[in-house]
Amino acid sequence: MNIKIEHSAIWIKGLAKTKDFSVRYFDMVCGEQYHNPTKQFTTYFLSFRNSNVRINVV
């Protein structure tokens, strides 16, 4: 059996700081900000260049 994890989510404090840190020091690519008004959260998908691995920071 071959298992592949496409993304994982991390709930954090300091969303903007974490996004900026990841882009600057890990050379990650950041997707557009998404806000869900019903569930009251904002999120970004961060991905490593040349990889399908994504981290959803919430």
Protein backbone atom coordinates (compact mmCIF):
# COMPACT_ATOMS: atom_id res chain seq x y z
CA MET A 1 0.00 0.00 0.00
CA ASN A 2 1.28 3.47 -0.91
CA ILE A 3 -0.01 6.30 1.29
CA LYS A 4 0.47 9.96 0.42
CA ILE A 5 -0.31 12.92 2.66
CA GLU A 6 -1.32 15.87 0.48
CA HIS A 7 -1.44 18.49 3.22
CA SER A 8 -1.63 18.98 6.95
CA ALA A 9 -3.16 21.80 8.96
CA ILE A 10 -1.70 23.66 11.91
CA TRP A 11 -3.79 25.96 14.10
CA ILE A 12 -1.53 28.76 15.33
CA LYS A 13 -1.47 32.19 16.91
CA GLY A 14 0.20 34.83 14.78
CA LEU A 15 -0.97 33.77 11.33
CA ALA A 16 0.70 36.63 9.42
CA LYS A 17 4.01 36.25 11.27
CA THR A 18 4.09 32.51 10.64
CA LYS A 19 3.30 33.02 6.95
CA ASP A 20 6.02 35.67 6.56
CA PHE A 21 8.58 33.55 8.46
CA SER A 22 7.86 30.47 6.33
CA VAL A 23 8.13 32.39 3.07
CA ARG A 24 11.33 34.14 4.11
CA TYR A 25 13.30 31.36 5.83
CA PHE A 26 11.93 28.19 4.20
CA ASP A 27 11.43 29.72 0.73
CA MET A 28 7.82 28.55 0.73
CA VAL A 29 5.16 29.76 -1.68
CA CYS A 30 2.04 31.26 -0.14
CA GLY A 31 -1.42 31.00 -1.66
CA GLU A 32 -4.15 33.59 -1.33
CA GLN A 33 -5.62 34.23 2.09
CA TYR A 34 -8.94 32.49 2.67
CA HIS A 35 -11.46 33.67 5.26
CA ASN A 36 -14.46 31.60 6.33
CA PRO A 37 -16.96 33.98 7.94
CA THR A 38 -19.31 31.20 9.00
CA LYS A 39 -16.68 29.30 10.99
CA GLN A 40 -14.74 32.45 11.93
CA PHE A 41 -11.24 31.53 10.75
CA THR A 42 -8.63 32.72 8.26
CA THR A 43 -6.08 30.46 6.58
CA TYR A 44 -3.17 30.29 4.12
CA PHE A 45 -1.82 27.33 2.21
CA LEU A 46 1.98 27.25 2.16
CA SER A 47 3.86 24.92 -0.15
CA PHE A 48 7.47 24.03 -0.72
CA ARG A 49 8.83 24.91 -4.14
CA ASN A 50 9.02 21.92 -6.54
CA SER A 51 6.89 19.82 -4.20
CA ASN A 52 3.26 18.84 -3.77
CA VAL A 53 3.51 19.08 0.02
CA ARG A 54 1.32 21.83 1.50
CA ILE A 55 0.84 23.13 5.01
CA ASN A 56 -2.41 24.83 5.88
CA VAL A 57 -1.77 27.43 8.58
CA VAL A 58 -4.96 28.47 10.33
